[in-house]
Amino acid sequence: MTFERIWEAPPFHVDFLDGAGEDLVIACASIGHDPARPPAPEFVATAVGRGGGAPPRRALFVSDAGRSWGNDPGFEAALRGALAAVTARAPVRRIAAIGLSMGGFAALVAARILPVDCVLAFSPQFSVLPARVPEETRWARWRAALPAEIRWPEAPLPRPGGAQAWLFHGAQDDLAQALRFPRQAGTQQILFPDLDHSGLVPHLKARGALAGLLEAALAGDRRRLLRIAASAGGKRRERLYPDPAR
């Protein structure tokens, strides 16, 4: 499995893995572990469906060396350019966007730019701006380096009739972010009371749940997705934190 660099215009680059079928997964990277290097591709096995028995899917892997949470103006050009390069080779029928932390935020932004059908955002920030989430102290280095013009001060949920969005949060340290997301039709939040921001995806991976979550989201199978999340310890936000206005 060899990555093909399909778009490069710093601070963004997009790598491509070819595959079969008309589905495309766009995986947006988190800030990564080495600040001196661009973030590496994430969710590779999940994105292509490795080990699922079917031929591998096509997938794009978006890296932002500037860690801009989708605010750098080059993000839109990178997404549109990479998608155009893929569709020039073969048609795309369904698109899923996926990401962790900053990548989850970016996946939600991607759904405002491209015709995305579903979003799986793991531990996404509602906002990294101190004025929006005063309790937040993480990612100070990258918050200080954000572009002067902030296009997305808050994570944009899909417009009505747009993508189905699934937000997953570890409740131990992400509640300040998670509970600021507005509730709206077409968006579901799943909270994991016993997990934290960084432990959520490793837990789901160890439980073998990631592939099923993506497959269910692509198929629009809400019940299956909720069953998989529940089996891994997830609980719907409205059950843990009922809306007092309802």
C-alpha atoms as a PDB file:
ATOM      1  CA  MET A   1       0.000   0.000   0.000  1.00  0.00           C
ATOM      2  CA  THR A   2       1.765   3.115  -1.291  1.00  0.00           C
ATOM      3  CA  PHE A   3       0.622   6.683  -0.724  1.00  0.00           C
ATOM      4  CA  GLU A   4       0.435   8.971  -3.725  1.00  0.00           C
ATOM      5  CA  ARG A   5       0.916  12.691  -3.107  1.00  0.00           C
ATOM      6  CA  ILE A   6      -2.084  14.061  -4.974  1.00  0.00           C
ATOM      7  CA  TRP A   7      -1.950  17.669  -3.710  1.00  0.00           C
ATOM      8  CA  GLU A   8       0.806  19.788  -2.240  1.00  0.00           C
ATOM      9  CA  ALA A   9       0.639  23.491  -1.470  1.00  0.00           C
ATOM     10  CA  PRO A  10       2.161  24.268   1.939  1.00  0.00           C
ATOM     11  CA  PRO A  11       1.069  24.109   4.659  1.00  0.00           C
ATOM     12  CA  PHE A  12      -1.217  21.431   3.199  1.00  0.00           C
ATOM     13  CA  HIS A  13      -0.571  18.167   1.476  1.00  0.00           C
ATOM     14  CA  VAL A  14      -3.011  15.397   0.603  1.00  0.00           C
ATOM     15  CA  ASP A  15      -2.035  11.768   0.070  1.00  0.00           C
ATOM     16  CA  PHE A  16      -4.162   9.251  -1.810  1.00  0.00           C
ATOM     17  CA  LEU A  17      -4.678   5.510  -1.599  1.00  0.00           C
ATOM     18  CA  ASP A  18      -6.514   4.108  -4.601  1.00  0.00           C
ATOM     19  CA  GLY A  19      -9.135   1.449  -4.306  1.00  0.00           C
ATOM     20  CA  ALA A  20     -12.369   0.033  -5.660  1.00  0.00           C
ATOM     21  CA  GLY A  21     -15.951   1.194  -5.560  1.00  0.00           C
ATOM     22  CA  GLU A  22     -17.521   4.634  -5.555  1.00  0.00           C
ATOM     23  CA  ASP A  23     -16.998   5.495  -1.884  1.00  0.00           C
ATOM     24  CA  LEU A  24     -14.318   7.935  -0.777  1.00  0.00           C
ATOM     25  CA  VAL A  25     -13.106   8.541   2.768  1.00  0.00           C
ATOM     26  CA  ILE A  26     -11.350  11.800   3.636  1.00  0.00           C
ATOM     27  CA  ALA A  27      -9.243  11.471   6.794  1.00  0.00           C
ATOM     28  CA  CYS A  28      -8.081  14.751   8.315  1.00  0.00           C
ATOM     29  CA  ALA A  29      -5.035  14.527  10.572  1.00  0.00           C
ATOM     30  CA  SER A  30      -4.758  15.773  14.144  1.00  0.00           C
ATOM     31  CA  ILE A  31      -1.850  17.966  15.267  1.00  0.00           C
ATOM     32  CA  GLY A  32       0.352  14.863  15.491  1.00  0.00           C
ATOM     33  CA  HIS A  33       3.162  14.060  17.895  1.00  0.00           C
ATOM     34  CA  ASP A  34       6.137  15.902  16.370  1.00  0.00           C
ATOM     35  CA  PRO A  35       5.638  19.673  16.043  1.00  0.00           C
ATOM     36  CA  ALA A  36       8.641  19.870  13.729  1.00  0.00           C
ATOM     37  CA  ARG A  37       7.014  17.670  11.087  1.00  0.00           C
ATOM     38  CA  PRO A  38       3.665  17.721   9.256  1.00  0.00           C
ATOM     39  CA  PRO A  39       1.058  15.402  10.784  1.00  0.00           C
ATOM     40  CA  ALA A  40       1.176  11.867   9.418  1.00  0.00           C
ATOM     41  CA  PRO A  41      -1.846  10.079   7.887  1.00  0.00           C
ATOM     42  CA  GLU A  42      -4.330   8.762  10.425  1.00  0.00           C
ATOM     43  CA  PHE A  43      -7.188   6.211  10.323  1.00  0.00           C
ATOM     44  CA  VAL A  44      -5.481   4.484   7.394  1.00  0.00           C
ATOM     45  CA  ALA A  45      -6.813   0.955   7.960  1.00  0.00           C
ATOM     46  CA  THR A  46     -10.278   2.240   8.853  1.00  0.00           C
ATOM     47  CA  ALA A  47     -10.469   4.573   5.869  1.00  0.00           C
ATOM     48  CA  VAL A  48      -9.633   1.932   3.269  1.00  0.00           C
ATOM     49  CA  GLY A  49     -11.564  -0.838   5.039  1.00  0.00           C
ATOM     50  CA  ARG A  50      -8.518  -3.052   5.546  1.00  0.00           C
ATOM     51  CA  GLY A  51      -9.438  -6.480   6.887  1.00  0.00           C
ATOM     52  CA  GLY A  52     -13.123  -6.087   6.122  1.00  0.00           C
ATOM     53  CA  GLY A  53     -13.184  -8.697   3.386  1.00  0.00           C
ATOM     54  CA  ALA A  54     -14.172  -6.271   0.630  1.00  0.00           C
ATOM     55  CA  PRO A  55     -11.780  -4.601  -1.836  1.00  0.00           C
ATOM     56  CA  PRO A  56     -10.128  -1.517  -0.312  1.00  0.00           C
ATOM     57  CA  ARG A  57     -11.873   1.846  -0.619  1.00  0.00           C
ATOM     58  CA  ARG A  58     -10.312   4.980  -2.011  1.00  0.00           C
ATOM     59  CA  ALA A  59      -9.121   7.388   0.653  1.00  0.00           C
ATOM     60  CA  LEU A  60      -7.576  10.844   0.945  1.00  0.00           C
ATOM     61  CA  PHE A  61      -5.378  11.837   3.885  1.00  0.00           C
ATOM     62  CA  VAL A  62      -5.187  15.552   4.603  1.00  0.00           C
ATOM     63  CA  SER A  63      -2.269  17.021   6.572  1.00  0.00           C
ATOM     64  CA  ASP A  64      -2.044  20.616   7.811  1.00  0.00           C
ATOM     65  CA  ALA A  65       1.512  21.515   8.870  1.00  0.00           C
ATOM     66  CA  GLY A  66       0.240  24.854  10.182  1.00  0.00           C
ATOM     67  CA  ARG A  67      -2.290  23.238  12.532  1.00  0.00           C
ATOM     68  CA  SER A  68      -4.918  25.822  11.638  1.00  0.00           C
ATOM     69  CA  TRP A  69      -8.105  23.897  12.480  1.00  0.00           C
ATOM     70  CA  GLY A  70      -9.239  24.469   8.883  1.00  0.00           C
ATOM     71  CA  ASN A  71      -8.790  28.239   9.137  1.00  0.00           C
ATOM     72  CA  ASP A  72      -5.889  28.552   6.725  1.00  0.00           C
ATOM     73  CA  PRO A  73      -7.380  29.619   3.354  1.00  0.00           C
ATOM     74  CA  GLY A  74      -5.446  26.835   1.652  1.00  0.00           C
ATOM     75  CA  PHE A  75      -7.616  24.184   3.294  1.00  0.00           C
ATOM     76  CA  GLU A  76     -10.504  24.667   0.884  1.00  0.00           C
ATOM     77  CA  ALA A  77      -8.197  24.615  -2.136  1.00  0.00           C
ATOM     78  CA  ALA A  78      -6.538  21.421  -0.897  1.00  0.00           C
ATOM     79  CA  LEU A  79      -9.863  19.648  -0.441  1.00  0.00           C
ATOM     80  CA  ARG A  80     -11.318  20.756  -3.755  1.00  0.00           C
ATOM     81  CA  GLY A  81      -8.119  20.070  -5.663  1.00  0.00           C
ATOM     82  CA  ALA A  82      -7.684  16.595  -4.207  1.00  0.00           C
ATOM     83  CA  LEU A  83     -11.309  15.639  -4.813  1.00  0.00           C
ATOM     84  CA  ALA A  84     -11.125  16.876  -8.405  1.00  0.00           C
ATOM     85  CA  ALA A  85      -8.044  14.738  -8.992  1.00  0.00           C
ATOM     86  CA  VAL A  86      -9.822  11.658  -7.629  1.00  0.00           C
ATOM     87  CA  THR A  87     -13.073  12.157  -9.533  1.00  0.00           C
ATOM     88  CA  ALA A  88     -11.128  12.719 -12.750  1.00  0.00           C
ATOM     89  CA  ARG A  89     -10.070   9.071 -12.494  1.00  0.00           C
ATOM     90  CA  ALA A  90     -13.382   7.501 -11.444  1.00  0.00           C
ATOM     91  CA  PRO A  91     -16.737   8.747 -10.139  1.00  0.00           C
ATOM     92  CA  VAL A  92     -17.389   9.188  -6.424  1.00  0.00           C
ATOM     93  CA  ARG A  93     -20.883   8.480  -5.099  1.00  0.00           C
ATOM     94  CA  ARG A  94     -20.526   8.736  -1.313  1.00  0.00           C
ATOM     95  CA  ILE A  95     -18.028  10.698   0.770  1.00  0.00           C
ATOM     96  CA  ALA A  96     -17.230  10.258   4.454  1.00  0.00           C
ATOM     97  CA  ALA A  97     -15.002  12.633   6.419  1.00  0.00           C
ATOM     98  CA  ILE A  98     -13.251  11.386   9.549  1.00  0.00           C
ATOM     99  CA  GLY A  99     -10.799  12.824  12.033  1.00  0.00           C
ATOM    100  CA  LEU A 100      -9.538  13.011  15.598  1.00  0.00           C
ATOM    101  CA  SER A 101      -9.254  16.192  17.685  1.00  0.00           C
ATOM    102  CA  MET A 102      -8.147  18.942  15.259  1.00  0.00           C
ATOM    103  CA  GLY A 103      -8.833  16.400  12.521  1.00  0.00           C
ATOM    104  CA  GLY A 104     -12.400  15.974  13.779  1.00  0.00           C
ATOM    105  CA  PHE A 105     -12.884  19.736  13.698  1.00  0.00           C
ATOM    106  CA  ALA A 106     -11.423  19.797  10.170  1.00  0.00           C
ATOM    107  CA  ALA A 107     -13.723  16.958   9.081  1.00  0.00           C
ATOM    108  CA  LEU A 108     -16.709  19.092  10.101  1.00  0.00           C
ATOM    109  CA  VAL A 109     -15.279  22.019   8.140  1.00  0.00           C
ATOM    110  CA  ALA A 110     -14.788  19.700   5.139  1.00  0.00           C
ATOM    111  CA  ALA A 111     -18.511  18.945   5.168  1.00  0.00           C
ATOM    112  CA  ARG A 112     -19.174  22.654   4.615  1.00  0.00           C
ATOM    113  CA  ILE A 113     -16.821  22.719   1.614  1.00  0.00           C
ATOM    114  CA  LEU A 114     -17.455  19.403  -0.164  1.00  0.00           C
ATOM    115  CA  PRO A 115     -20.592  17.287  -0.761  1.00  0.00           C
ATOM    116  CA  VAL A 116     -19.862  15.042   2.215  1.00  0.00           C
ATOM    117  CA  ASP A 117     -22.497  12.466   3.179  1.00  0.00           C
ATOM    118  CA  CYS A 118     -21.354  11.673   6.719  1.00  0.00           C
ATOM    119  CA  VAL A 119     -18.829  12.859   9.284  1.00  0.00           C
ATOM    120  CA  LEU A 120     -17.245  10.884  12.104  1.00  0.00           C
ATOM    121  CA  ALA A 121     -15.525  13.361  14.425  1.00  0.00           C
ATOM    122  CA  PHE A 122     -13.676  11.898  17.412  1.00  0.00           C
ATOM    123  CA  SER A 123     -12.857  14.302  20.260  1.00  0.00           C
ATOM    124  CA  PRO A 124     -13.456  17.392  18.094  1.00  0.00           C
ATOM    125  CA  GLN A 125     -13.096  20.805  19.707  1.00  0.00           C
ATOM    126  CA  PHE A 126     -16.118  23.063  19.742  1.00  0.00           C
ATOM    127  CA  SER A 127     -13.579  25.885  19.609  1.00  0.00           C
ATOM    128  CA  VAL A 128      -9.924  26.464  20.459  1.00  0.00           C
ATOM    129  CA  LEU A 129     -10.468  30.193  21.020  1.00  0.00           C
ATOM    130  CA  PRO A 130     -10.201  31.089  24.730  1.00  0.00           C
ATOM    131  CA  ALA A 131     -13.170  33.440  24.497  1.00  0.00           C
ATOM    132  CA  ARG A 132     -15.405  30.562  23.331  1.00  0.00           C
ATOM    133  CA  VAL A 133     -14.222  27.881  25.792  1.00  0.00           C
ATOM    134  CA  PRO A 134     -12.501  29.686  28.695  1.00  0.00           C
ATOM    135  CA  GLU A 135     -11.839  26.422  30.563  1.00  0.00           C
ATOM    136  CA  GLU A 136      -9.678  25.072  27.737  1.00  0.00           C
ATOM    137  CA  THR A 137      -5.908  25.223  28.310  1.00  0.00           C
ATOM    138  CA  ARG A 138      -4.668  22.612  25.838  1.00  0.00           C
ATOM    139  CA  TRP A 139      -3.036  23.305  22.456  1.00  0.00           C
ATOM    140  CA  ALA A 140      -1.812  26.762  23.587  1.00  0.00           C
ATOM    141  CA  ARG A 141       1.154  26.694  21.194  1.00  0.00           C
ATOM    142  CA  TRP A 142      -0.991  26.083  18.159  1.00  0.00           C
ATOM    143  CA  ARG A 143      -3.793  28.387  19.245  1.00  0.00           C
ATOM    144  CA  ALA A 144      -1.259  31.217  19.469  1.00  0.00           C
ATOM    145  CA  ALA A 145      -0.194  30.519  15.870  1.00  0.00           C
ATOM    146  CA  LEU A 146      -3.685  30.578  14.341  1.00  0.00           C
ATOM    147  CA  PRO A 147      -4.195  32.827  11.299  1.00  0.00           C
ATOM    148  CA  ALA A 148      -5.172  36.415  11.985  1.00  0.00           C
ATOM    149  CA  GLU A 149      -8.460  35.845  10.181  1.00  0.00           C
ATOM    150  CA  ILE A 150     -10.462  33.091  11.853  1.00  0.00           C
ATOM    151  CA  ARG A 151     -12.985  31.674   9.440  1.00  0.00           C
ATOM    152  CA  TRP A 152     -14.207  28.955  11.785  1.00  0.00           C
ATOM    153  CA  PRO A 153     -14.249  30.235  15.382  1.00  0.00           C
ATOM    154  CA  GLU A 154     -16.486  27.283  16.222  1.00  0.00           C
ATOM    155  CA  ALA A 155     -16.794  23.840  14.688  1.00  0.00           C
ATOM    156  CA  PRO A 156     -19.455  24.111  11.977  1.00  0.00           C
ATOM    157  CA  LEU A 157     -22.149  21.482  12.152  1.00  0.00           C
ATOM    158  CA  PRO A 158     -23.668  20.440   8.821  1.00  0.00           C
ATOM    159  CA  ARG A 159     -26.386  22.589   7.354  1.00  0.00           C
ATOM    160  CA  PRO A 160     -29.957  21.199   7.494  1.00  0.00           C
ATOM    161  CA  GLY A 161     -30.325  18.514   4.874  1.00  0.00           C
ATOM    162  CA  GLY A 162     -26.553  18.129   4.605  1.00  0.00           C
ATOM    163  CA  ALA A 163     -24.194  15.512   5.971  1.00  0.00           C
ATOM    164  CA  GLN A 164     -25.076  13.278   8.897  1.00  0.00           C
ATOM    165  CA  ALA A 165     -22.613  14.081  11.679  1.00  0.00           C
ATOM    166  CA  TRP A 166     -21.516  11.801  14.500  1.00  0.00           C
ATOM    167  CA  LEU A 167     -19.491  13.371  17.332  1.00  0.00           C
ATOM    168  CA  PHE A 168     -17.713  11.161  19.863  1.00  0.00           C
ATOM    169  CA  HIS A 169     -16.181  12.503  23.081  1.00  0.00           C
ATOM    170  CA  GLY A 170     -14.339  11.113  26.072  1.00  0.00           C
ATOM    171  CA  ALA A 171     -16.250  12.702  28.941  1.00  0.00           C
ATOM    172  CA  GLN A 172     -13.407  12.671  31.449  1.00  0.00           C
ATOM    173  CA  ASP A 173     -11.730  15.781  30.025  1.00  0.00           C
ATOM    174  CA  ASP A 174     -13.765  16.913  27.010  1.00  0.00           C
ATOM    175  CA  LEU A 175     -17.117  17.858  28.516  1.00  0.00           C
ATOM    176  CA  ALA A 176     -16.433  21.607  28.333  1.00  0.00           C
ATOM    177  CA  GLN A 177     -16.001  21.187  24.586  1.00  0.00           C
ATOM    178  CA  ALA A 178     -18.674  18.539  24.033  1.00  0.00           C
ATOM    179  CA  LEU A 179     -21.529  20.243  25.840  1.00  0.00           C
ATOM    180  CA  ARG A 180     -21.083  23.477  23.918  1.00  0.00           C
ATOM    181  CA  PHE A 181     -22.065  21.845  20.643  1.00  0.00           C
ATOM    182  CA  PRO A 182     -25.659  22.778  19.846  1.00  0.00           C
ATOM    183  CA  ARG A 183     -28.164  19.993  19.444  1.00  0.00           C
ATOM    184  CA  GLN A 184     -29.632  19.822  15.976  1.00  0.00           C
ATOM    185  CA  ALA A 185     -31.300  17.381  13.640  1.00  0.00           C
ATOM    186  CA  GLY A 186     -28.834  15.287  11.688  1.00  0.00           C
ATOM    187  CA  THR A 187     -26.118  15.473  14.351  1.00  0.00           C
ATOM    188  CA  GLN A 188     -25.660  12.858  17.072  1.00  0.00           C
ATOM    189  CA  GLN A 189     -23.282  13.079  20.023  1.00  0.00           C
ATOM    190  CA  ILE A 190     -21.960   9.994  21.779  1.00  0.00           C
ATOM    191  CA  LEU A 191     -20.180  10.426  25.117  1.00  0.00           C
ATOM    192  CA  PHE A 192     -17.892   7.881  26.750  1.00  0.00           C
ATOM    193  CA  PRO A 193     -17.987   8.527  30.512  1.00  0.00           C
ATOM    194  CA  ASP A 194     -14.938   6.379  31.309  1.00  0.00           C
ATOM    195  CA  LEU A 195     -12.617   7.707  28.583  1.00  0.00           C
ATOM    196  CA  ASP A 196     -10.602  10.845  27.942  1.00  0.00           C
ATOM    197  CA  HIS A 197      -9.654  12.853  24.851  1.00  0.00           C
ATOM    198  CA  SER A 198      -6.590  10.841  23.913  1.00  0.00           C
ATOM    199  CA  GLY A 199      -7.884   7.435  24.992  1.00  0.00           C
ATOM    200  CA  LEU A 200     -11.081   7.378  22.946  1.00  0.00           C
ATOM    201  CA  VAL A 201      -9.806   6.270  19.545  1.00  0.00           C
ATOM    202  CA  PRO A 202      -7.324   3.684  20.931  1.00  0.00           C
ATOM    203  CA  HIS A 203     -10.209   2.210  22.942  1.00  0.00           C
ATOM    204  CA  LEU A 204     -12.474   2.003  19.894  1.00  0.00           C
ATOM    205  CA  LYS A 205      -9.655   0.535  17.838  1.00  0.00           C
ATOM    206  CA  ALA A 206      -8.926  -2.111  20.487  1.00  0.00           C
ATOM    207  CA  ARG A 207     -12.619  -3.010  20.575  1.00  0.00           C
ATOM    208  CA  GLY A 208     -12.699  -3.395  16.780  1.00  0.00           C
ATOM    209  CA  ALA A 209     -15.397  -0.730  16.587  1.00  0.00           C
ATOM    210  CA  LEU A 210     -13.898   1.855  14.237  1.00  0.00           C
ATOM    211  CA  ALA A 211     -14.506  -0.050  11.016  1.00  0.00           C
ATOM    212  CA  GLY A 212     -18.113  -0.802  11.943  1.00  0.00           C
ATOM    213  CA  LEU A 213     -18.814   2.820  12.875  1.00  0.00           C
ATOM    214  CA  LEU A 214     -17.580   4.018   9.491  1.00  0.00           C
ATOM    215  CA  GLU A 215     -19.414   1.317   7.555  1.00  0.00           C
ATOM    216  CA  ALA A 216     -22.667   2.100   9.377  1.00  0.00           C
ATOM    217  CA  ALA A 217     -22.247   5.837   8.789  1.00  0.00           C
ATOM    218  CA  LEU A 218     -21.625   5.360   5.070  1.00  0.00           C
ATOM    219  CA  ALA A 219     -24.690   3.136   4.830  1.00  0.00           C
ATOM    220  CA  GLY A 220     -26.819   5.611   6.777  1.00  0.00           C
ATOM    221  CA  ASP A 221     -27.554   2.863   9.315  1.00  0.00           C
ATOM    222  CA  ARG A 222     -28.192   4.874  12.488  1.00  0.00           C
ATOM    223  CA  ARG A 223     -29.344   1.922  14.578  1.00  0.00           C
ATOM    224  CA  ARG A 224     -26.285  -0.148  13.804  1.00  0.00           C
ATOM    225  CA  LEU A 225     -23.971   2.753  14.548  1.00  0.00           C
ATOM    226  CA  LEU A 226     -25.634   3.379  17.911  1.00  0.00           C
ATOM    227  CA  ARG A 227     -25.407  -0.321  18.762  1.00  0.00           C
ATOM    228  CA  ILE A 228     -21.690  -0.400  17.975  1.00  0.00           C
ATOM    229  CA  ALA A 229     -21.039   2.738  20.013  1.00  0.00           C
ATOM    230  CA  ALA A 230     -23.063   1.404  22.949  1.00  0.00           C
ATOM    231  CA  SER A 231     -21.196  -1.899  22.903  1.00  0.00           C
ATOM    232  CA  ALA A 232     -17.967   0.090  23.337  1.00  0.00           C
ATOM    233  CA  GLY A 233     -19.354   2.070  26.283  1.00  0.00           C
ATOM    234  CA  GLY A 234     -20.795   5.087  24.489  1.00  0.00           C
ATOM    235  CA  LYS A 235     -23.967   6.820  25.625  1.00  0.00           C
ATOM    236  CA  ARG A 236     -26.058   9.348  23.745  1.00  0.00           C
ATOM    237  CA  ARG A 237     -25.614  12.854  25.075  1.00  0.00           C
ATOM    238  CA  GLU A 238     -29.325  13.426  25.589  1.00  0.00           C
ATOM    239  CA  ARG A 239     -29.521  10.455  27.922  1.00  0.00           C
ATOM    240  CA  LEU A 240     -26.648  11.654  30.097  1.00  0.00           C
ATOM    241  CA  TYR A 241     -27.497  15.356  29.900  1.00  0.00           C
ATOM    242  CA  PRO A 242     -31.205  15.811  29.109  1.00  0.00           C
ATOM    243  CA  ASP A 243     -32.169  19.174  27.692  1.00  0.00           C
ATOM    244  CA  PRO A 244     -34.144  20.944  30.450  1.00  0.00           C
ATOM    245  CA  ALA A 245     -36.030  22.951  27.836  1.00  0.00           C
ATOM    246  CA  ARG A 246     -37.617  19.802  26.409  1.00  0.00           C
END
